[in-house]
């Protein structure tokens, strides 16, 4: 395990320890968010970091690069991400999704100039995003408490514990040149954040409590992801259950 992975594990372990310490100090907390006090502090820290550094950088990113270039970058990074999605589809025994994602990778890599062009979507090959947190959920591991991670943002305990493996499966890490890896990692952050510029501004302006709005949205989305868009009407976050 390299230095970066050790730092990630250390960060995640620290978050779990802090969460356990904060658990008993939150009265009448949402059952899904027993560590709300700690989560809100981290959310505030992330918000400041975003306003000071990430959001301004994302605005520059959108201003400097023309839309077709940004689309090409988004497609290229998405094609790399499809490989890990294919692996997790296979781990969930989703045969059709695995085959179609493999076809997406092949089509976009060889016909889409290495993934810069999303030819597969034009051929109606559906893009599916799967990660190891979803794989654990598929096999019955409940999400556990809601967690807000420093820098990484909203998550759940299950997805937090799955994160090191998701990072390990990231093809960006396979680039041998450190400068290339770093550039791609930063570019991906800019790609994601630039796509949320208007959305996050609207949330902050319209929501009475942006924290709870984001929390509810994230938990609902992750539940939908695990159940492929068909989550149960009532979901128990506490008891073990196999879909």
C-alpha atoms as a PDB file:
ATOM      1  CA  UNK A   1       0.000   0.000   0.000  1.00  0.00           C
ATOM      2  CA  UNK A   2       1.544   3.290  -1.099  1.00  0.00           C
ATOM      3  CA  UNK A   3       1.856   6.554   0.800  1.00  0.00           C
ATOM      4  CA  UNK A   4      -1.322   8.042  -0.685  1.00  0.00           C
ATOM      5  CA  UNK A   5      -3.420   5.043   0.307  1.00  0.00           C
ATOM      6  CA  UNK A   6      -2.021   5.132   3.843  1.00  0.00           C
ATOM      7  CA  UNK A   7      -3.023   8.783   4.125  1.00  0.00           C
ATOM      8  CA  UNK A   8      -6.542   7.962   2.909  1.00  0.00           C
ATOM      9  CA  UNK A   9      -6.884   5.156   5.456  1.00  0.00           C
ATOM     10  CA  UNK A  10      -5.617   7.445   8.201  1.00  0.00           C
ATOM     11  CA  UNK A  11      -8.152  10.126   7.252  1.00  0.00           C
ATOM     12  CA  UNK A  12     -11.031   7.681   7.162  1.00  0.00           C
ATOM     13  CA  UNK A  13     -10.037   6.101  10.468  1.00  0.00           C
ATOM     14  CA  UNK A  14      -9.837   9.552  12.059  1.00  0.00           C
ATOM     15  CA  UNK A  15     -13.307  10.407  10.774  1.00  0.00           C
ATOM     16  CA  UNK A  16     -14.735   7.210  12.257  1.00  0.00           C
ATOM     17  CA  UNK A  17     -13.091   7.894  15.637  1.00  0.00           C
ATOM     18  CA  UNK A  18     -14.364  11.470  15.699  1.00  0.00           C
ATOM     19  CA  UNK A  19     -17.807  10.286  14.705  1.00  0.00           C
ATOM     20  CA  UNK A  20     -17.929   7.751  17.513  1.00  0.00           C
ATOM     21  CA  UNK A  21     -16.863  10.435  19.964  1.00  0.00           C
ATOM     22  CA  UNK A  22     -19.557  12.811  18.716  1.00  0.00           C
ATOM     23  CA  UNK A  23     -22.312  10.215  18.586  1.00  0.00           C
ATOM     24  CA  UNK A  24     -23.497  10.595  22.148  1.00  0.00           C
ATOM     25  CA  UNK A  25     -23.465  14.374  22.087  1.00  0.00           C
ATOM     26  CA  UNK A  26     -26.276  14.914  19.569  1.00  0.00           C
ATOM     27  CA  UNK A  27     -29.752  14.896  21.179  1.00  0.00           C
ATOM     28  CA  UNK A  28     -32.835  14.055  19.074  1.00  0.00           C
ATOM     29  CA  UNK A  29     -30.700  13.484  15.989  1.00  0.00           C
ATOM     30  CA  UNK A  30     -32.086  12.139  12.740  1.00  0.00           C
ATOM     31  CA  UNK A  31     -31.760   8.341  12.904  1.00  0.00           C
ATOM     32  CA  UNK A  32     -29.756   8.442   9.675  1.00  0.00           C
ATOM     33  CA  UNK A  33     -27.472  11.194  10.955  1.00  0.00           C
ATOM     34  CA  UNK A  34     -26.529  10.535  14.593  1.00  0.00           C
ATOM     35  CA  UNK A  35     -23.215  12.393  14.102  1.00  0.00           C
ATOM     36  CA  UNK A  36     -24.887  15.580  12.883  1.00  0.00           C
ATOM     37  CA  UNK A  37     -22.921  17.893  15.160  1.00  0.00           C
ATOM     38  CA  UNK A  38     -19.580  16.719  13.772  1.00  0.00           C
ATOM     39  CA  UNK A  39     -20.952  16.499  10.230  1.00  0.00           C
ATOM     40  CA  UNK A  40     -22.143  20.093  10.294  1.00  0.00           C
ATOM     41  CA  UNK A  41     -18.715  21.316  11.376  1.00  0.00           C
ATOM     42  CA  UNK A  42     -17.037  19.407   8.563  1.00  0.00           C
ATOM     43  CA  UNK A  43     -19.708  20.606   6.134  1.00  0.00           C
ATOM     44  CA  UNK A  44     -18.915  24.205   7.119  1.00  0.00           C
ATOM     45  CA  UNK A  45     -15.194  23.576   6.661  1.00  0.00           C
ATOM     46  CA  UNK A  46     -15.790  22.088   3.199  1.00  0.00           C
ATOM     47  CA  UNK A  47     -18.039  25.020   2.284  1.00  0.00           C
ATOM     48  CA  UNK A  48     -15.328  27.515   3.183  1.00  0.00           C
ATOM     49  CA  UNK A  49     -12.729  25.518   1.247  1.00  0.00           C
ATOM     50  CA  UNK A  50     -15.042  25.384  -1.747  1.00  0.00           C
ATOM     51  CA  UNK A  51     -15.764  29.113  -1.693  1.00  0.00           C
ATOM     52  CA  UNK A  52     -12.111  30.043  -1.268  1.00  0.00           C
ATOM     53  CA  UNK A  53     -10.430  27.623  -3.661  1.00  0.00           C
ATOM     54  CA  UNK A  54     -12.445  25.000  -5.534  1.00  0.00           C
ATOM     55  CA  UNK A  55     -15.374  27.077  -6.815  1.00  0.00           C
ATOM     56  CA  UNK A  56     -13.174  29.954  -8.115  1.00  0.00           C
ATOM     57  CA  UNK A  57     -10.903  27.425  -9.838  1.00  0.00           C
ATOM     58  CA  UNK A  58     -13.911  25.727 -11.432  1.00  0.00           C
ATOM     59  CA  UNK A  59     -15.140  29.087 -12.746  1.00  0.00           C
ATOM     60  CA  UNK A  60     -11.745  29.750 -14.317  1.00  0.00           C
ATOM     61  CA  UNK A  61     -11.853  26.242 -15.784  1.00  0.00           C
ATOM     62  CA  UNK A  62     -15.164  26.952 -17.520  1.00  0.00           C
ATOM     63  CA  UNK A  63     -14.004  30.377 -18.718  1.00  0.00           C
ATOM     64  CA  UNK A  64     -10.655  29.266 -20.120  1.00  0.00           C
ATOM     65  CA  UNK A  65     -11.663  26.007 -21.802  1.00  0.00           C
ATOM     66  CA  UNK A  66     -14.296  26.036 -24.571  1.00  0.00           C
ATOM     67  CA  UNK A  67     -17.328  23.832 -24.057  1.00  0.00           C
ATOM     68  CA  UNK A  68     -16.276  21.177 -26.658  1.00  0.00           C
ATOM     69  CA  UNK A  69     -12.921  20.780 -24.907  1.00  0.00           C
ATOM     70  CA  UNK A  70     -14.587  20.395 -21.498  1.00  0.00           C
ATOM     71  CA  UNK A  71     -16.982  17.840 -22.982  1.00  0.00           C
ATOM     72  CA  UNK A  72     -14.057  15.871 -24.409  1.00  0.00           C
ATOM     73  CA  UNK A  73     -12.305  15.878 -21.029  1.00  0.00           C
ATOM     74  CA  UNK A  74     -15.514  14.788 -19.304  1.00  0.00           C
ATOM     75  CA  UNK A  75     -15.949  11.943 -21.787  1.00  0.00           C
ATOM     76  CA  UNK A  76     -12.326  10.813 -21.435  1.00  0.00           C
ATOM     77  CA  UNK A  77     -12.498  10.700 -17.640  1.00  0.00           C
ATOM     78  CA  UNK A  78     -15.885   8.982 -17.837  1.00  0.00           C
ATOM     79  CA  UNK A  79     -14.447   6.294 -20.094  1.00  0.00           C
ATOM     80  CA  UNK A  80     -11.736   5.583 -17.521  1.00  0.00           C
ATOM     81  CA  UNK A  81     -14.392   5.402 -14.820  1.00  0.00           C
ATOM     82  CA  UNK A  82     -16.441   2.908 -16.845  1.00  0.00           C
ATOM     83  CA  UNK A  83     -13.778   0.250 -16.218  1.00  0.00           C
ATOM     84  CA  UNK A  84     -14.364   0.267 -12.444  1.00  0.00           C
ATOM     85  CA  UNK A  85     -18.125   0.422 -13.039  1.00  0.00           C
ATOM     86  CA  UNK A  86     -17.816  -2.721 -15.177  1.00  0.00           C
ATOM     87  CA  UNK A  87     -15.897  -4.509 -12.410  1.00  0.00           C
ATOM     88  CA  UNK A  88     -18.552  -3.634  -9.832  1.00  0.00           C
ATOM     89  CA  UNK A  89     -21.364  -4.666 -12.177  1.00  0.00           C
ATOM     90  CA  UNK A  90     -19.658  -8.039 -12.470  1.00  0.00           C
ATOM     91  CA  UNK A  91     -19.273  -8.275  -8.673  1.00  0.00           C
ATOM     92  CA  UNK A  92     -23.024  -7.670  -8.411  1.00  0.00           C
ATOM     93  CA  UNK A  93     -23.668 -10.423 -10.995  1.00  0.00           C
ATOM     94  CA  UNK A  94     -25.331  -7.954 -13.362  1.00  0.00           C
ATOM     95  CA  UNK A  95     -24.574  -9.732 -16.607  1.00  0.00           C
ATOM     96  CA  UNK A  96     -26.236  -7.346 -19.043  1.00  0.00           C
ATOM     97  CA  UNK A  97     -24.787  -4.255 -17.372  1.00  0.00           C
ATOM     98  CA  UNK A  98     -21.295  -5.793 -17.362  1.00  0.00           C
ATOM     99  CA  UNK A  99     -21.426  -6.672 -21.050  1.00  0.00           C
ATOM    100  CA  UNK A 100     -22.898  -3.326 -22.099  1.00  0.00           C
ATOM    101  CA  UNK A 101     -20.314  -1.391 -20.088  1.00  0.00           C
ATOM    102  CA  UNK A 102     -17.532  -3.460 -21.665  1.00  0.00           C
ATOM    103  CA  UNK A 103     -18.967  -2.606 -25.076  1.00  0.00           C
ATOM    104  CA  UNK A 104     -19.071   1.089 -24.077  1.00  0.00           C
ATOM    105  CA  UNK A 105     -15.390   0.997 -23.158  1.00  0.00           C
ATOM    106  CA  UNK A 106     -14.394  -0.712 -26.397  1.00  0.00           C
ATOM    107  CA  UNK A 107     -16.493   1.539 -28.617  1.00  0.00           C
ATOM    108  CA  UNK A 108     -15.404   4.786 -26.973  1.00  0.00           C
ATOM    109  CA  UNK A 109     -11.751   3.756 -26.736  1.00  0.00           C
ATOM    110  CA  UNK A 110     -11.359   2.633 -30.338  1.00  0.00           C
ATOM    111  CA  UNK A 111     -13.988   4.709 -32.160  1.00  0.00           C
ATOM    112  CA  UNK A 112     -14.147   7.662 -29.792  1.00  0.00           C
ATOM    113  CA  UNK A 113     -10.470   8.647 -29.916  1.00  0.00           C
ATOM    114  CA  UNK A 114      -9.589   7.117 -26.570  1.00  0.00           C
ATOM    115  CA  UNK A 115     -12.866   8.152 -24.998  1.00  0.00           C
ATOM    116  CA  UNK A 116     -12.851  11.823 -25.984  1.00  0.00           C
ATOM    117  CA  UNK A 117     -15.990  11.204 -28.046  1.00  0.00           C
ATOM    118  CA  UNK A 118     -18.912   9.404 -26.429  1.00  0.00           C
ATOM    119  CA  UNK A 119     -19.865   7.280 -29.421  1.00  0.00           C
ATOM    120  CA  UNK A 120     -21.362   4.581 -27.196  1.00  0.00           C
ATOM    121  CA  UNK A 121     -24.130   6.828 -25.900  1.00  0.00           C
ATOM    122  CA  UNK A 122     -25.070   7.715 -29.474  1.00  0.00           C
ATOM    123  CA  UNK A 123     -25.291   3.961 -30.094  1.00  0.00           C
ATOM    124  CA  UNK A 124     -27.691   3.766 -27.112  1.00  0.00           C
ATOM    125  CA  UNK A 125     -25.319   1.834 -24.894  1.00  0.00           C
ATOM    126  CA  UNK A 126     -26.432   2.991 -21.454  1.00  0.00           C
ATOM    127  CA  UNK A 127     -23.841   4.466 -19.126  1.00  0.00           C
ATOM    128  CA  UNK A 128     -24.004   2.985 -15.629  1.00  0.00           C
ATOM    129  CA  UNK A 129     -21.978   4.262 -12.717  1.00  0.00           C
ATOM    130  CA  UNK A 130     -21.187   1.588 -10.151  1.00  0.00           C
ATOM    131  CA  UNK A 131     -18.789   1.700  -7.218  1.00  0.00           C
ATOM    132  CA  UNK A 132     -17.814  -0.642  -4.421  1.00  0.00           C
ATOM    133  CA  UNK A 133     -20.189   1.062  -1.987  1.00  0.00           C
ATOM    134  CA  UNK A 134     -23.052   0.074  -4.302  1.00  0.00           C
ATOM    135  CA  UNK A 135     -21.651  -3.450  -4.527  1.00  0.00           C
ATOM    136  CA  UNK A 136     -21.668  -3.754  -0.736  1.00  0.00           C
ATOM    137  CA  UNK A 137     -25.218  -2.373  -0.687  1.00  0.00           C
ATOM    138  CA  UNK A 138     -26.291  -4.862  -3.339  1.00  0.00           C
ATOM    139  CA  UNK A 139     -25.163  -7.719  -1.108  1.00  0.00           C
ATOM    140  CA  UNK A 140     -27.023  -6.449   1.914  1.00  0.00           C
ATOM    141  CA  UNK A 141     -24.625  -4.082   3.671  1.00  0.00           C
ATOM    142  CA  UNK A 142     -26.673  -1.160   4.979  1.00  0.00           C
ATOM    143  CA  UNK A 143     -25.389   2.396   4.473  1.00  0.00           C
ATOM    144  CA  UNK A 144     -24.978   3.075   8.165  1.00  0.00           C
ATOM    145  CA  UNK A 145     -24.787   6.615   9.528  1.00  0.00           C
ATOM    146  CA  UNK A 146     -24.474   9.612   7.247  1.00  0.00           C
ATOM    147  CA  UNK A 147     -20.931  11.002   7.219  1.00  0.00           C
ATOM    148  CA  UNK A 148     -19.472  14.244   5.863  1.00  0.00           C
ATOM    149  CA  UNK A 149     -15.795  13.741   5.043  1.00  0.00           C
ATOM    150  CA  UNK A 150     -13.230  16.557   4.940  1.00  0.00           C
ATOM    151  CA  UNK A 151     -12.667  17.532   1.286  1.00  0.00           C
ATOM    152  CA  UNK A 152     -14.465  14.425  -0.054  1.00  0.00           C
ATOM    153  CA  UNK A 153     -17.864  15.643   1.139  1.00  0.00           C
ATOM    154  CA  UNK A 154     -21.127  13.746   1.837  1.00  0.00           C
ATOM    155  CA  UNK A 155     -20.983   9.979   2.235  1.00  0.00           C
ATOM    156  CA  UNK A 156     -22.159   7.137   4.447  1.00  0.00           C
ATOM    157  CA  UNK A 157     -20.173   4.874   6.728  1.00  0.00           C
ATOM    158  CA  UNK A 158     -20.472   2.011   4.231  1.00  0.00           C
ATOM    159  CA  UNK A 159     -19.324   4.154   1.312  1.00  0.00           C
ATOM    160  CA  UNK A 160     -16.512   5.625   3.411  1.00  0.00           C
ATOM    161  CA  UNK A 161     -15.159   2.170   4.203  1.00  0.00           C
ATOM    162  CA  UNK A 162     -15.469   1.261   0.509  1.00  0.00           C
ATOM    163  CA  UNK A 163     -13.644   4.398  -0.636  1.00  0.00           C
ATOM    164  CA  UNK A 164     -10.054   3.051  -0.404  1.00  0.00           C
ATOM    165  CA  UNK A 165     -10.960   0.219  -2.782  1.00  0.00           C
ATOM    166  CA  UNK A 166     -12.708   2.670  -5.121  1.00  0.00           C
ATOM    167  CA  UNK A 167      -9.522   4.741  -5.124  1.00  0.00           C
ATOM    168  CA  UNK A 168      -7.476   1.608  -5.772  1.00  0.00           C
ATOM    169  CA  UNK A 169      -9.681   0.812  -8.771  1.00  0.00           C
ATOM    170  CA  UNK A 170      -9.295   4.290 -10.264  1.00  0.00           C
ATOM    171  CA  UNK A 171      -7.444   3.972 -13.586  1.00  0.00           C
ATOM    172  CA  UNK A 172      -6.004   7.470 -13.199  1.00  0.00           C
ATOM    173  CA  UNK A 173      -3.678   5.949 -10.614  1.00  0.00           C
ATOM    174  CA  UNK A 174      -2.288   3.616 -13.294  1.00  0.00           C
ATOM    175  CA  UNK A 175      -0.550   6.452 -15.127  1.00  0.00           C
ATOM    176  CA  UNK A 176       3.164   6.108 -14.378  1.00  0.00           C
ATOM    177  CA  UNK A 177       4.030   9.791 -14.619  1.00  0.00           C
ATOM    178  CA  UNK A 178       3.177  11.533 -11.310  1.00  0.00           C
ATOM    179  CA  UNK A 179       2.549  14.885 -13.012  1.00  0.00           C
ATOM    180  CA  UNK A 180       0.059  13.249 -15.371  1.00  0.00           C
ATOM    181  CA  UNK A 181      -1.743  11.527 -12.493  1.00  0.00           C
ATOM    182  CA  UNK A 182      -1.931  14.750 -10.512  1.00  0.00           C
ATOM    183  CA  UNK A 183      -3.115  16.751 -13.519  1.00  0.00           C
ATOM    184  CA  UNK A 184      -5.871  14.234 -14.261  1.00  0.00           C
ATOM    185  CA  UNK A 185      -6.947  14.148 -10.614  1.00  0.00           C
ATOM    186  CA  UNK A 186      -7.187  17.934 -10.419  1.00  0.00           C
ATOM    187  CA  UNK A 187      -8.933  18.100 -13.778  1.00  0.00           C
ATOM    188  CA  UNK A 188     -11.540  15.606 -12.600  1.00  0.00           C
ATOM    189  CA  UNK A 189     -12.287  17.763  -9.567  1.00  0.00           C
ATOM    190  CA  UNK A 190     -12.699  20.771 -11.859  1.00  0.00           C
ATOM    191  CA  UNK A 191     -14.900  18.748 -14.202  1.00  0.00           C
ATOM    192  CA  UNK A 192     -17.222  17.651 -11.400  1.00  0.00           C
ATOM    193  CA  UNK A 193     -17.342  21.031  -9.665  1.00  0.00           C
ATOM    194  CA  UNK A 194     -17.901  22.999 -12.878  1.00  0.00           C
ATOM    195  CA  UNK A 195     -20.951  20.855 -13.568  1.00  0.00           C
ATOM    196  CA  UNK A 196     -22.406  21.852 -10.193  1.00  0.00           C
ATOM    197  CA  UNK A 197     -21.790  25.598 -10.285  1.00  0.00           C
ATOM    198  CA  UNK A 198     -25.400  26.625 -10.824  1.00  0.00           C
ATOM    199  CA  UNK A 199     -26.926  23.705  -8.901  1.00  0.00           C
ATOM    200  CA  UNK A 200     -25.093  24.370  -5.636  1.00  0.00           C
ATOM    201  CA  UNK A 201     -25.730  28.108  -5.871  1.00  0.00           C
ATOM    202  CA  UNK A 202     -29.470  27.465  -6.235  1.00  0.00           C
ATOM    203  CA  UNK A 203     -29.462  25.073  -3.274  1.00  0.00           C
ATOM    204  CA  UNK A 204     -27.680  27.570  -1.039  1.00  0.00           C
ATOM    205  CA  UNK A 205     -30.020  30.355  -2.087  1.00  0.00           C
ATOM    206  CA  UNK A 206     -33.316  28.445  -1.912  1.00  0.00           C
ATOM    207  CA  UNK A 207     -32.916  25.883   0.869  1.00  0.00           C
ATOM    208  CA  UNK A 208     -33.696  26.960   4.427  1.00  0.00           C
ATOM    209  CA  UNK A 209     -31.008  24.561   5.610  1.00  0.00           C
ATOM    210  CA  UNK A 210     -28.591  23.542   2.818  1.00  0.00           C
ATOM    211  CA  UNK A 211     -27.014  20.909   5.070  1.00  0.00           C
ATOM    212  CA  UNK A 212     -30.210  18.887   5.502  1.00  0.00           C
ATOM    213  CA  UNK A 213     -31.171  19.442   1.848  1.00  0.00           C
ATOM    214  CA  UNK A 214     -27.843  17.981   0.685  1.00  0.00           C
ATOM    215  CA  UNK A 215     -27.990  15.157   3.231  1.00  0.00           C
ATOM    216  CA  UNK A 216     -31.491  14.059   2.215  1.00  0.00           C
ATOM    217  CA  UNK A 217     -30.616  14.285  -1.466  1.00  0.00           C
ATOM    218  CA  UNK A 218     -27.406  12.279  -1.108  1.00  0.00           C
ATOM    219  CA  UNK A 219     -29.034   9.522   0.954  1.00  0.00           C
ATOM    220  CA  UNK A 220     -31.950   9.266  -1.449  1.00  0.00           C
ATOM    221  CA  UNK A 221     -29.638   9.107  -4.465  1.00  0.00           C
ATOM    222  CA  UNK A 222     -27.395   6.441  -2.946  1.00  0.00           C
ATOM    223  CA  UNK A 223     -30.424   4.331  -2.061  1.00  0.00           C
ATOM    224  CA  UNK A 224     -31.660   4.692  -5.627  1.00  0.00           C
ATOM    225  CA  UNK A 225     -28.201   3.771  -6.957  1.00  0.00           C
ATOM    226  CA  UNK A 226     -28.059   0.551  -4.938  1.00  0.00           C
ATOM    227  CA  UNK A 227     -31.541  -0.521  -6.041  1.00  0.00           C
ATOM    228  CA  UNK A 228     -31.050   0.571  -9.674  1.00  0.00           C
ATOM    229  CA  UNK A 229     -33.680   3.289  -9.472  1.00  0.00           C
ATOM    230  CA  UNK A 230     -36.292   1.176  -7.675  1.00  0.00           C
ATOM    231  CA  UNK A 231     -35.689   1.592  -3.932  1.00  0.00           C
ATOM    232  CA  UNK A 232     -38.200   0.233  -1.432  1.00  0.00           C
ATOM    233  CA  UNK A 233     -40.855   2.690  -0.281  1.00  0.00           C
ATOM    234  CA  UNK A 234     -39.677   2.257   3.317  1.00  0.00           C
ATOM    235  CA  UNK A 235     -36.038   1.507   4.009  1.00  0.00           C
ATOM    236  CA  UNK A 236     -34.638   0.525   7.410  1.00  0.00           C
ATOM    237  CA  UNK A 237     -31.117   1.909   7.763  1.00  0.00           C
ATOM    238  CA  UNK A 238     -30.352  -0.107  10.867  1.00  0.00           C
ATOM    239  CA  UNK A 239     -31.154  -3.774  10.255  1.00  0.00           C
ATOM    240  CA  UNK A 240     -29.347  -6.144   7.924  1.00  0.00           C
ATOM    241  CA  UNK A 241     -31.150  -7.012   4.743  1.00  0.00           C
ATOM    242  CA  UNK A 242     -30.232  -8.634   1.438  1.00  0.00           C
ATOM    243  CA  UNK A 243     -31.930  -7.152  -1.635  1.00  0.00           C
END
